[in-house]
Amino acid sequence: MGGTFDPIHFGHLAAAEQVRVGFDLDRVIFIPSGHPPHKQGKQITPGIHRYVMAVLATIDHPRFEVSTIELDRPGLSYSVDTIGLLKSQLPEGSEIFFITGADAIVEICSWKDADRLLRLCRFVAVTRPGYSTGSLQEIRERFGEAGSRIHPYQITDLAISSSEIRERVRLGKPIRYLVPATVEHYIEKHHLYTKVQ
């Protein structure tokens, strides 16, 4: 499961757990993005903070892990490079399921080497109740046979976003029950998302 995780929240965790169970996955590896090309010019919290928050959020789940695979690489972080490297590190025959939002999948045509990426892994496009899968079906058709490697999967709707959490912190509003308590304390301790940084 890739993402900026700025910060990681219960929506990410619930999606990961539901997909893990629904697809009978051995484990879910959370990969905080290093230097995402679609966020160039935007302020992103340093990778070490996003990594530690992800570790704190997942530490009590025996099948959740966090990887620094993107944070350790210089340059822009492209999913095709990350999945290629991850695949080379896993046992022969391992299958990778890339968990992401359906809205991100709709933009996959603009991703670097999208066709190759679809050969390297399957995608689980998490949707929320009421989400129209029409545009997702168009993307699947666009990739022909490889499009069958994109699996729409409806999850419980937790209307939480990282940008909302950052804004709440900036305004001094509570974020309890939006993020794990360990993440809440880390944000407070390190003055993340406030002007004091």
N, C-alpha and C. Protein backbone atom coordinates (compact mmCIF):
# COMPACT_ATOMS: atom_id res chain seq x y z
N MET A 1 0.86 -1.17 0.00
CA MET A 1 0.00 0.00 0.00
C MET A 1 0.90 1.22 0.00
N GLY A 2 0.83 1.97 -1.08
CA GLY A 2 1.65 3.17 -1.18
C GLY A 2 0.84 4.41 -0.88
N GLY A 3 1.53 5.46 -0.48
CA GLY A 3 0.86 6.73 -0.21
C GLY A 3 1.81 7.70 0.44
N THR A 4 1.40 8.92 0.48
CA THR A 4 2.22 9.92 1.15
C THR A 4 2.17 9.70 2.66
N PHE A 5 1.00 9.28 3.15
CA PHE A 5 0.80 9.03 4.60
C PHE A 5 1.24 10.26 5.40
N ASP A 6 0.62 11.38 5.09
CA ASP A 6 1.01 12.66 5.69
C ASP A 6 -0.16 13.35 6.38
N PRO A 7 -0.69 12.76 7.49
CA PRO A 7 -0.24 11.55 8.18
C PRO A 7 -1.08 10.32 7.79
N ILE A 8 -0.62 9.16 8.21
CA ILE A 8 -1.40 7.94 8.08
C ILE A 8 -2.59 8.06 9.03
N HIS A 9 -3.74 7.50 8.63
CA HIS A 9 -4.94 7.63 9.48
C HIS A 9 -5.75 6.33 9.43
N PHE A 10 -6.87 6.34 10.18
CA PHE A 10 -7.67 5.13 10.28
C PHE A 10 -8.28 4.70 8.94
N GLY A 11 -8.49 5.63 8.02
CA GLY A 11 -8.99 5.26 6.70
C GLY A 11 -8.01 4.36 5.97
N HIS A 12 -6.71 4.72 6.03
CA HIS A 12 -5.67 3.88 5.42
C HIS A 12 -5.65 2.49 6.05
N LEU A 13 -5.69 2.47 7.36
CA LEU A 13 -5.58 1.20 8.09
C LEU A 13 -6.78 0.30 7.84
N ALA A 14 -7.98 0.88 7.84
CA ALA A 14 -9.19 0.09 7.60
C ALA A 14 -9.18 -0.48 6.18
N ALA A 15 -8.77 0.33 5.21
CA ALA A 15 -8.71 -0.15 3.82
C ALA A 15 -7.72 -1.31 3.70
N ALA A 16 -6.55 -1.14 4.30
CA ALA A 16 -5.52 -2.18 4.23
C ALA A 16 -6.01 -3.48 4.85
N GLU A 17 -6.67 -3.41 5.98
CA GLU A 17 -7.14 -4.62 6.66
C GLU A 17 -8.26 -5.30 5.86
N GLN A 18 -9.17 -4.51 5.33
CA GLN A 18 -10.28 -5.09 4.56
C GLN A 18 -9.77 -5.77 3.29
N VAL A 19 -8.80 -5.16 2.63
CA VAL A 19 -8.22 -5.77 1.42
C VAL A 19 -7.40 -7.00 1.80
N ARG A 20 -6.65 -6.93 2.89
CA ARG A 20 -5.85 -8.08 3.33
C ARG A 20 -6.74 -9.30 3.53
N VAL A 21 -7.85 -9.10 4.22
CA VAL A 21 -8.77 -10.21 4.48
C VAL A 21 -9.49 -10.62 3.19
N GLY A 22 -9.98 -9.65 2.44
CA GLY A 22 -10.76 -9.94 1.24
C GLY A 22 -9.97 -10.66 0.16
N PHE A 23 -8.66 -10.39 0.06
CA PHE A 23 -7.82 -11.04 -0.95
C PHE A 23 -6.89 -12.09 -0.35
N ASP A 24 -7.08 -12.38 0.93
CA ASP A 24 -6.29 -13.40 1.64
C ASP A 24 -4.79 -13.16 1.45
N LEU A 25 -4.35 -11.93 1.73
CA LEU A 25 -2.95 -11.56 1.56
C LEU A 25 -2.13 -11.98 2.78
N ASP A 26 -0.90 -12.38 2.55
CA ASP A 26 -0.02 -12.77 3.66
C ASP A 26 0.33 -11.58 4.55
N ARG A 27 0.55 -10.44 3.91
CA ARG A 27 0.91 -9.23 4.67
C ARG A 27 0.65 -8.00 3.82
N VAL A 28 0.59 -6.86 4.49
CA VAL A 28 0.46 -5.58 3.81
C VAL A 28 1.69 -4.75 4.17
N ILE A 29 2.39 -4.30 3.14
CA ILE A 29 3.58 -3.47 3.34
C ILE A 29 3.20 -2.03 3.00
N PHE A 30 3.25 -1.17 3.99
CA PHE A 30 2.97 0.25 3.78
C PHE A 30 4.27 0.90 3.28
N ILE A 31 4.18 1.62 2.18
CA ILE A 31 5.37 2.25 1.59
C ILE A 31 5.15 3.74 1.49
N PRO A 32 5.64 4.51 2.48
CA PRO A 32 5.54 5.97 2.36
C PRO A 32 6.31 6.45 1.14
N SER A 33 5.69 7.32 0.35
CA SER A 33 6.32 7.79 -0.87
C SER A 33 7.55 8.63 -0.56
N GLY A 34 8.52 8.50 -1.45
CA GLY A 34 9.75 9.29 -1.30
C GLY A 34 9.57 10.68 -1.87
N HIS A 35 9.65 10.78 -3.18
CA HIS A 35 9.51 12.07 -3.88
C HIS A 35 8.49 11.87 -4.99
N PRO A 36 7.19 11.91 -4.65
CA PRO A 36 6.16 11.63 -5.65
C PRO A 36 6.13 12.69 -6.75
N PRO A 37 6.18 12.28 -8.03
CA PRO A 37 6.21 13.23 -9.13
C PRO A 37 4.96 14.10 -9.20
N HIS A 38 3.81 13.58 -8.76
CA HIS A 38 2.56 14.35 -8.83
C HIS A 38 2.44 15.38 -7.70
N LYS A 39 3.41 15.38 -6.78
CA LYS A 39 3.36 16.35 -5.68
C LYS A 39 4.57 17.28 -5.69
N GLN A 40 5.22 17.40 -6.84
CA GLN A 40 6.36 18.32 -6.93
C GLN A 40 5.88 19.74 -6.69
N GLY A 41 6.66 20.47 -5.92
CA GLY A 41 6.30 21.85 -5.62
C GLY A 41 5.38 21.98 -4.42
N LYS A 42 4.83 20.87 -3.92
CA LYS A 42 3.97 20.90 -2.74
C LYS A 42 4.79 20.55 -1.52
N GLN A 43 4.45 21.16 -0.40
CA GLN A 43 5.17 20.87 0.84
C GLN A 43 4.72 19.53 1.40
N ILE A 44 5.68 18.65 1.62
CA ILE A 44 5.41 17.34 2.21
C ILE A 44 6.28 17.21 3.45
N THR A 45 5.70 16.65 4.50
CA THR A 45 6.45 16.42 5.73
C THR A 45 7.63 15.50 5.44
N PRO A 46 8.80 15.77 6.04
CA PRO A 46 9.97 14.92 5.80
C PRO A 46 9.65 13.43 5.96
N GLY A 47 10.28 12.63 5.12
CA GLY A 47 10.01 11.20 5.07
C GLY A 47 10.19 10.48 6.39
N ILE A 48 11.16 10.89 7.18
CA ILE A 48 11.40 10.20 8.46
C ILE A 48 10.18 10.29 9.36
N HIS A 49 9.51 11.46 9.39
CA HIS A 49 8.31 11.61 10.22
C HIS A 49 7.17 10.74 9.68
N ARG A 50 6.98 10.73 8.37
CA ARG A 50 5.90 9.94 7.79
C ARG A 50 6.15 8.45 8.00
N TYR A 51 7.42 8.05 7.92
CA TYR A 51 7.77 6.65 8.16
C TYR A 51 7.49 6.26 9.62
N VAL A 52 7.94 7.08 10.56
CA VAL A 52 7.75 6.76 11.98
C VAL A 52 6.26 6.71 12.32
N MET A 53 5.47 7.64 11.79
CA MET A 53 4.03 7.62 12.06
C MET A 53 3.40 6.33 11.51
N ALA A 54 3.86 5.88 10.33
CA ALA A 54 3.33 4.64 9.77
C ALA A 54 3.70 3.44 10.65
N VAL A 55 4.93 3.44 11.16
CA VAL A 55 5.36 2.36 12.06
C VAL A 55 4.51 2.37 13.33
N LEU A 56 4.32 3.54 13.91
CA LEU A 56 3.53 3.66 15.14
C LEU A 56 2.08 3.19 14.92
N ALA A 57 1.54 3.50 13.74
CA ALA A 57 0.15 3.15 13.44
C ALA A 57 -0.04 1.66 13.20
N THR A 58 1.02 0.97 12.75
CA THR A 58 0.88 -0.44 12.35
C THR A 58 1.56 -1.42 13.29
N ILE A 59 2.25 -0.92 14.30
CA ILE A 59 3.13 -1.75 15.13
C ILE A 59 2.41 -2.91 15.83
N ASP A 60 1.11 -2.73 16.11
CA ASP A 60 0.41 -3.79 16.84
C ASP A 60 -0.30 -4.79 15.92
N HIS A 61 -0.08 -4.67 14.60
CA HIS A 61 -0.72 -5.62 13.67
C HIS A 61 0.35 -6.58 13.14
N PRO A 62 0.20 -7.87 13.42
CA PRO A 62 1.24 -8.83 13.04
C PRO A 62 1.46 -8.98 11.53
N ARG A 63 0.52 -8.54 10.72
CA ARG A 63 0.66 -8.70 9.27
C ARG A 63 0.85 -7.37 8.53
N PHE A 64 1.06 -6.31 9.28
CA PHE A 64 1.36 -5.01 8.68
C PHE A 64 2.84 -4.71 8.87
N GLU A 65 3.48 -4.20 7.82
CA GLU A 65 4.88 -3.80 7.87
C GLU A 65 5.00 -2.42 7.22
N VAL A 66 6.12 -1.77 7.46
CA VAL A 66 6.40 -0.48 6.81
C VAL A 66 7.78 -0.58 6.18
N SER A 67 7.88 -0.10 4.94
CA SER A 67 9.15 -0.17 4.21
C SER A 67 9.66 1.23 3.87
N THR A 68 10.98 1.37 3.87
CA THR A 68 11.62 2.63 3.48
C THR A 68 12.12 2.56 2.04
N ILE A 69 11.64 1.62 1.26
CA ILE A 69 12.14 1.37 -0.09
C ILE A 69 12.14 2.63 -0.96
N GLU A 70 11.12 3.48 -0.82
CA GLU A 70 11.08 4.72 -1.61
C GLU A 70 11.86 5.83 -0.94
N LEU A 71 11.84 5.88 0.37
CA LEU A 71 12.54 6.94 1.09
C LEU A 71 14.05 6.80 0.94
N ASP A 72 14.52 5.57 0.71
CA ASP A 72 15.95 5.31 0.60
C ASP A 72 16.50 5.63 -0.79
N ARG A 73 15.63 5.76 -1.78
CA ARG A 73 16.08 6.00 -3.15
C ARG A 73 16.08 7.49 -3.48
N PRO A 74 17.15 7.98 -4.13
CA PRO A 74 17.16 9.38 -4.55
C PRO A 74 16.28 9.57 -5.78
N GLY A 75 15.97 10.80 -6.08
CA GLY A 75 15.19 11.11 -7.28
C GLY A 75 13.71 10.90 -7.08
N LEU A 76 12.97 11.09 -8.16
CA LEU A 76 11.52 10.94 -8.10
C LEU A 76 11.13 9.48 -7.87
N SER A 77 10.04 9.28 -7.16
CA SER A 77 9.56 7.94 -6.83
C SER A 77 8.47 7.53 -7.82
N TYR A 78 8.79 6.55 -8.64
CA TYR A 78 7.81 6.03 -9.58
C TYR A 78 7.39 4.64 -9.13
N SER A 79 6.09 4.37 -9.16
CA SER A 79 5.56 3.09 -8.70
C SER A 79 6.18 1.91 -9.44
N VAL A 80 6.41 2.06 -10.75
CA VAL A 80 6.96 0.96 -11.53
C VAL A 80 8.36 0.58 -11.03
N ASP A 81 9.15 1.56 -10.62
CA ASP A 81 10.49 1.29 -10.08
C ASP A 81 10.39 0.61 -8.71
N THR A 82 9.48 1.12 -7.88
CA THR A 82 9.31 0.57 -6.53
C THR A 82 8.83 -0.88 -6.59
N ILE A 83 7.82 -1.14 -7.41
CA ILE A 83 7.28 -2.51 -7.50
C ILE A 83 8.32 -3.44 -8.11
N GLY A 84 9.08 -2.96 -9.10
CA GLY A 84 10.14 -3.79 -9.69
C GLY A 84 11.18 -4.19 -8.67
N LEU A 85 11.60 -3.23 -7.84
CA LEU A 85 12.59 -3.50 -6.80
C LEU A 85 12.01 -4.44 -5.74
N LEU A 86 10.78 -4.17 -5.32
CA LEU A 86 10.13 -5.01 -4.32
C LEU A 86 10.00 -6.45 -4.82
N LYS A 87 9.61 -6.59 -6.08
CA LYS A 87 9.45 -7.94 -6.66
C LYS A 87 10.77 -8.69 -6.65
N SER A 88 11.88 -7.98 -6.89
CA SER A 88 13.19 -8.64 -6.90
C SER A 88 13.62 -9.08 -5.50
N GLN A 89 13.03 -8.50 -4.46
CA GLN A 89 13.39 -8.82 -3.08
C GLN A 89 12.51 -9.93 -2.49
N LEU A 90 11.40 -10.22 -3.13
CA LEU A 90 10.47 -11.22 -2.61
C LEU A 90 10.79 -12.61 -3.17
N PRO A 91 10.35 -13.67 -2.49
CA PRO A 91 10.59 -15.02 -3.00
C PRO A 91 9.99 -15.21 -4.39
N GLU A 92 10.63 -16.05 -5.18
CA GLU A 92 10.16 -16.37 -6.53
C GLU A 92 8.70 -16.81 -6.47
N GLY A 93 7.89 -16.29 -7.37
CA GLY A 93 6.49 -16.68 -7.45
C GLY A 93 5.56 -15.84 -6.59
N SER A 94 6.12 -14.90 -5.80
CA SER A 94 5.28 -14.03 -4.98
C SER A 94 4.44 -13.12 -5.88
N GLU A 95 3.21 -12.91 -5.47
CA GLU A 95 2.34 -12.02 -6.23
C GLU A 95 2.11 -10.76 -5.41
N ILE A 96 2.23 -9.62 -6.08
CA ILE A 96 2.06 -8.33 -5.41
C ILE A 96 0.71 -7.73 -5.79
N PHE A 97 -0.01 -7.27 -4.78
CA PHE A 97 -1.26 -6.55 -4.97
C PHE A 97 -1.01 -5.11 -4.51
N PHE A 98 -1.16 -4.18 -5.40
CA PHE A 98 -0.93 -2.76 -5.10
C PHE A 98 -2.27 -2.17 -4.67
N ILE A 99 -2.38 -1.79 -3.41
CA ILE A 99 -3.64 -1.25 -2.87
C ILE A 99 -3.61 0.27 -3.00
N THR A 100 -4.62 0.80 -3.66
CA THR A 100 -4.71 2.25 -3.81
C THR A 100 -6.17 2.64 -4.02
N GLY A 101 -6.45 3.93 -3.98
CA GLY A 101 -7.81 4.41 -4.19
C GLY A 101 -8.22 4.32 -5.65
N ALA A 102 -9.49 4.11 -5.89
CA ALA A 102 -9.99 4.04 -7.26
C ALA A 102 -9.72 5.34 -8.00
N ASP A 103 -9.74 6.46 -7.28
CA ASP A 103 -9.48 7.75 -7.92
C ASP A 103 -8.06 7.81 -8.47
N ALA A 104 -7.11 7.18 -7.79
CA ALA A 104 -5.73 7.14 -8.27
C ALA A 104 -5.61 6.24 -9.50
N ILE A 105 -6.34 5.14 -9.51
CA ILE A 105 -6.29 4.22 -10.64
C ILE A 105 -6.79 4.90 -11.91
N VAL A 106 -7.76 5.78 -11.77
CA VAL A 106 -8.30 6.48 -12.93
C VAL A 106 -7.21 7.29 -13.63
N GLU A 107 -6.17 7.67 -12.89
CA GLU A 107 -5.08 8.45 -13.46
C GLU A 107 -3.90 7.58 -13.90
N ILE A 108 -4.04 6.26 -13.85
CA ILE A 108 -2.91 5.36 -14.11
C ILE A 108 -2.33 5.54 -15.52
N CYS A 109 -3.14 5.98 -16.46
CA CYS A 109 -2.63 6.18 -17.83
C CYS A 109 -1.48 7.18 -17.87
N SER A 110 -1.44 8.09 -16.91
CA SER A 110 -0.38 9.11 -16.88
C SER A 110 0.84 8.65 -16.08
N TRP A 111 0.79 7.45 -15.48
CA TRP A 111 1.90 6.95 -14.67
C TRP A 111 3.01 6.46 -15.58
N LYS A 112 4.23 6.52 -15.09
CA LYS A 112 5.38 6.02 -15.84
C LYS A 112 5.24 4.52 -16.08
N ASP A 113 5.40 4.09 -17.34
CA ASP A 113 5.38 2.68 -17.73
C ASP A 113 4.18 1.92 -17.15
N ALA A 114 2.99 2.50 -17.31
CA ALA A 114 1.78 1.90 -16.73
C ALA A 114 1.56 0.47 -17.22
N ASP A 115 1.83 0.20 -18.50
CA ASP A 115 1.64 -1.16 -19.02
C ASP A 115 2.55 -2.16 -18.31
N ARG A 116 3.80 -1.77 -18.12
CA ARG A 116 4.76 -2.66 -17.43
C ARG A 116 4.35 -2.86 -15.98
N LEU A 117 3.89 -1.78 -15.35
CA LEU A 117 3.46 -1.85 -13.96
C LEU A 117 2.33 -2.88 -13.80
N LEU A 118 1.39 -2.88 -14.74
CA LEU A 118 0.29 -3.84 -14.67
C LEU A 118 0.75 -5.28 -14.88
N ARG A 119 1.89 -5.45 -15.52
CA ARG A 119 2.44 -6.81 -15.66
C ARG A 119 3.16 -7.25 -14.39
N LEU A 120 3.66 -6.27 -13.61
CA LEU A 120 4.41 -6.58 -12.40
C LEU A 120 3.52 -6.90 -11.20
N CYS A 121 2.31 -6.33 -11.19
CA CYS A 121 1.45 -6.50 -10.01
C CYS A 121 -0.01 -6.40 -10.40
N ARG A 122 -0.84 -6.77 -9.46
CA ARG A 122 -2.29 -6.55 -9.58
C ARG A 122 -2.62 -5.29 -8.79
N PHE A 123 -3.66 -4.62 -9.18
CA PHE A 123 -4.11 -3.44 -8.45
C PHE A 123 -5.43 -3.73 -7.76
N VAL A 124 -5.54 -3.31 -6.52
CA VAL A 124 -6.82 -3.35 -5.82
C VAL A 124 -7.25 -1.90 -5.70
N ALA A 125 -8.29 -1.55 -6.44
CA ALA A 125 -8.80 -0.18 -6.47
C ALA A 125 -9.93 -0.07 -5.45
N VAL A 126 -9.61 0.45 -4.27
CA VAL A 126 -10.62 0.52 -3.22
C VAL A 126 -11.61 1.64 -3.53
N THR A 127 -12.88 1.27 -3.41
CA THR A 127 -13.96 2.23 -3.63
C THR A 127 -14.80 2.32 -2.37
N ARG A 128 -15.56 3.37 -2.31
CA ARG A 128 -16.45 3.56 -1.17
C ARG A 128 -17.88 3.34 -1.65
N PRO A 129 -18.80 3.06 -0.72
CA PRO A 129 -20.20 2.89 -1.12
C PRO A 129 -20.69 4.11 -1.89
N GLY A 130 -21.37 3.87 -3.01
CA GLY A 130 -21.89 4.97 -3.81
C GLY A 130 -20.94 5.45 -4.89
N TYR A 131 -19.70 4.93 -4.89
CA TYR A 131 -18.73 5.34 -5.91
C TYR A 131 -19.11 4.71 -7.25
N SER A 132 -19.18 5.52 -8.30
CA SER A 132 -19.50 5.00 -9.62
C SER A 132 -18.23 4.39 -10.22
N THR A 133 -18.31 3.13 -10.60
CA THR A 133 -17.14 2.44 -11.15
C THR A 133 -17.04 2.58 -12.67
N GLY A 134 -17.84 3.46 -13.26
CA GLY A 134 -17.83 3.64 -14.71
C GLY A 134 -16.47 4.03 -15.25
N SER A 135 -15.84 5.03 -14.65
CA SER A 135 -14.53 5.47 -15.13
C SER A 135 -13.47 4.40 -14.88
N LEU A 136 -13.65 3.63 -13.83
CA LEU A 136 -12.72 2.52 -13.54
C LEU A 136 -12.83 1.44 -14.61
N GLN A 137 -14.06 1.18 -15.04
CA GLN A 137 -14.28 0.19 -16.10
C GLN A 137 -13.63 0.65 -17.41
N GLU A 138 -13.71 1.95 -17.69
CA GLU A 138 -13.07 2.49 -18.90
C GLU A 138 -11.56 2.26 -18.86
N ILE A 139 -10.95 2.46 -17.70
CA ILE A 139 -9.51 2.26 -17.55
C ILE A 139 -9.17 0.79 -17.76
N ARG A 140 -9.96 -0.09 -17.20
CA ARG A 140 -9.72 -1.53 -17.37
C ARG A 140 -9.78 -1.90 -18.85
N GLU A 141 -10.74 -1.35 -19.57
CA GLU A 141 -10.88 -1.63 -21.00
C GLU A 141 -9.71 -1.05 -21.79
N ARG A 142 -9.24 0.11 -21.38
CA ARG A 142 -8.13 0.79 -22.07
C ARG A 142 -6.88 -0.09 -22.09
N PHE A 143 -6.66 -0.87 -21.03
CA PHE A 143 -5.48 -1.72 -20.94
C PHE A 143 -5.71 -3.13 -21.48
N GLY A 144 -6.87 -3.37 -22.07
CA GLY A 144 -7.14 -4.67 -22.68
C GLY A 144 -7.06 -5.80 -21.67
N GLU A 145 -6.35 -6.86 -22.03
CA GLU A 145 -6.24 -8.03 -21.16
C GLU A 145 -5.60 -7.68 -19.81
N ALA A 146 -4.60 -6.78 -19.83
CA ALA A 146 -3.94 -6.38 -18.59
C ALA A 146 -4.91 -5.67 -17.65
N GLY A 147 -5.97 -5.08 -18.21
CA GLY A 147 -6.96 -4.39 -17.38
C GLY A 147 -7.65 -5.31 -16.40
N SER A 148 -7.63 -6.62 -16.67
CA SER A 148 -8.25 -7.58 -15.74
C SER A 148 -7.44 -7.70 -14.45
N ARG A 149 -6.25 -7.09 -14.43
CA ARG A 149 -5.40 -7.12 -13.24
C ARG A 149 -5.74 -5.95 -12.30
N ILE A 150 -6.77 -5.18 -12.66
CA ILE A 150 -7.26 -4.10 -11.80
C ILE A 150 -8.57 -4.60 -11.18
N HIS A 151 -8.59 -4.71 -9.86
CA HIS A 151 -9.74 -5.28 -9.15
C HIS A 151 -10.44 -4.20 -8.32
N PRO A 152 -11.64 -3.77 -8.72
CA PRO A 152 -12.39 -2.84 -7.86
C PRO A 152 -12.80 -3.57 -6.58
N TYR A 153 -12.71 -2.88 -5.45
CA TYR A 153 -13.05 -3.53 -4.18
C TYR A 153 -13.67 -2.49 -3.25
N GLN A 154 -14.92 -2.72 -2.91
CA GLN A 154 -15.63 -1.75 -2.05
C GLN A 154 -15.27 -1.97 -0.59
N ILE A 155 -14.95 -0.88 0.08
CA ILE A 155 -14.61 -0.93 1.50
C ILE A 155 -15.58 -0.05 2.28
N THR A 156 -15.55 -0.19 3.59
CA THR A 156 -16.35 0.65 4.46
C THR A 156 -15.92 2.10 4.30
N ASP A 157 -16.87 2.98 4.19
CA ASP A 157 -16.57 4.39 3.99
C ASP A 157 -16.16 5.07 5.30
N LEU A 158 -14.89 5.46 5.39
CA LEU A 158 -14.41 6.28 6.49
C LEU A 158 -13.96 7.60 5.85
N ALA A 159 -14.79 8.60 5.95
CA ALA A 159 -14.51 9.88 5.28
C ALA A 159 -13.44 10.67 6.04
N ILE A 160 -12.21 10.19 5.95
CA ILE A 160 -11.07 10.83 6.61
C ILE A 160 -10.03 11.11 5.55
N SER A 161 -9.44 12.29 5.60
CA SER A 161 -8.35 12.59 4.65
C SER A 161 -7.17 13.19 5.41
N SER A 162 -5.99 12.93 4.89
CA SER A 162 -4.77 13.48 5.50
C SER A 162 -4.78 15.00 5.46
N SER A 163 -5.28 15.58 4.36
CA SER A 163 -5.30 17.04 4.26
C SER A 163 -6.23 17.64 5.32
N GLU A 164 -7.34 16.96 5.59
CA GLU A 164 -8.26 17.43 6.64
C GLU A 164 -7.58 17.36 8.01
N ILE A 165 -6.84 16.30 8.25
CA ILE A 165 -6.15 16.15 9.53
C ILE A 165 -5.11 17.25 9.70
N ARG A 166 -4.33 17.52 8.66
CA ARG A 166 -3.32 18.59 8.73
C ARG A 166 -3.98 19.94 9.02
N GLU A 167 -5.12 20.18 8.39
CA GLU A 167 -5.82 21.44 8.60
C GLU A 167 -6.37 21.54 10.01
N ARG A 168 -6.90 20.45 10.52
CA ARG A 168 -7.41 20.45 11.90
C ARG A 168 -6.29 20.76 12.90
N VAL A 169 -5.13 20.15 12.69
CA VAL A 169 -4.00 20.41 13.58
C VAL A 169 -3.60 21.87 13.49
N ARG A 170 -3.53 22.39 12.27
CA ARG A 170 -3.14 23.79 12.07
C ARG A 170 -4.09 24.73 12.81
N LEU A 171 -5.38 24.36 12.84
CA LEU A 171 -6.38 25.21 13.48
C LEU A 171 -6.55 24.90 14.97
N GLY A 172 -5.78 23.95 15.49
CA GLY A 172 -5.87 23.60 16.90
C GLY A 172 -7.08 22.74 17.25
N LYS A 173 -7.66 22.07 16.26
CA LYS A 173 -8.83 21.21 16.49
C LYS A 173 -8.36 19.79 16.79
N PRO A 174 -9.16 19.02 17.52
CA PRO A 174 -8.75 17.65 17.87
C PRO A 174 -8.74 16.71 16.67
N ILE A 175 -7.82 15.74 16.72
CA ILE A 175 -7.75 14.71 15.68
C ILE A 175 -7.91 13.31 16.29
N ARG A 176 -8.26 13.28 17.56
CA ARG A 176 -8.47 12.00 18.22
C ARG A 176 -9.55 11.21 17.49
N TYR A 177 -9.34 9.93 17.34
CA TYR A 177 -10.22 8.99 16.65
C TYR A 177 -10.18 9.13 15.12
N LEU A 178 -9.33 10.02 14.63
CA LEU A 178 -9.08 10.09 13.19
C LEU A 178 -7.77 9.37 12.86
N VAL A 179 -6.85 9.40 13.83
CA VAL A 179 -5.55 8.74 13.72
C VAL A 179 -5.34 7.91 14.98
N PRO A 180 -4.48 6.91 14.93
CA PRO A 180 -4.16 6.18 16.17
C PRO A 180 -3.56 7.13 17.20
N ALA A 181 -3.78 6.83 18.48
CA ALA A 181 -3.28 7.71 19.56
C ALA A 181 -1.78 7.91 19.46
N THR A 182 -1.04 6.87 19.07
CA THR A 182 0.41 7.00 18.95
C THR A 182 0.80 8.04 17.91
N VAL A 183 0.04 8.09 16.81
CA VAL A 183 0.30 9.06 15.75
C VAL A 183 -0.08 10.46 16.23
N GLU A 184 -1.19 10.56 16.92
CA GLU A 184 -1.62 11.85 17.48
C GLU A 184 -0.54 12.41 18.40
N HIS A 185 0.00 11.58 19.28
CA HIS A 185 1.04 12.04 20.21
C HIS A 185 2.32 12.43 19.47
N TYR A 186 2.65 11.68 18.44
CA TYR A 186 3.86 11.98 17.65
C TYR A 186 3.72 13.34 16.96
N ILE A 187 2.56 13.59 16.39
CA ILE A 187 2.31 14.87 15.72
C ILE A 187 2.45 16.01 16.72
N GLU A 188 1.88 15.82 17.90
CA GLU A 188 1.94 16.86 18.93
C GLU A 188 3.38 17.06 19.42
N LYS A 189 4.08 15.98 19.67
CA LYS A 189 5.45 16.06 20.19
C LYS A 189 6.39 16.77 19.22
N HIS A 190 6.21 16.51 17.92
CA HIS A 190 7.12 17.07 16.91
C HIS A 190 6.57 18.32 16.24
N HIS A 191 5.45 18.82 16.75
CA HIS A 191 4.85 20.05 16.24
C HIS A 191 4.60 19.99 14.73
N LEU A 192 4.17 18.82 14.26
CA LEU A 192 3.89 18.67 12.83
C LEU A 192 2.61 19.40 12.47
N TYR A 193 2.57 19.95 11.29
CA TYR A 193 1.41 20.62 10.72
C TYR A 193 1.04 21.92 11.43
N THR A 194 1.96 22.44 12.21
CA THR A 194 1.75 23.75 12.83
C THR A 194 2.79 24.70 12.29
N LYS A 195 2.65 25.96 12.58
CA LYS A 195 3.60 26.96 12.07
C LYS A 195 4.92 26.91 12.82
N VAL A 196 4.97 26.14 13.93
CA VAL A 196 6.16 26.09 14.78
C VAL A 196 7.26 25.20 14.21
N GLN A 197 6.94 24.39 13.17
CA GLN A 197 7.88 23.37 12.64
C GLN A 197 9.29 23.83 12.51
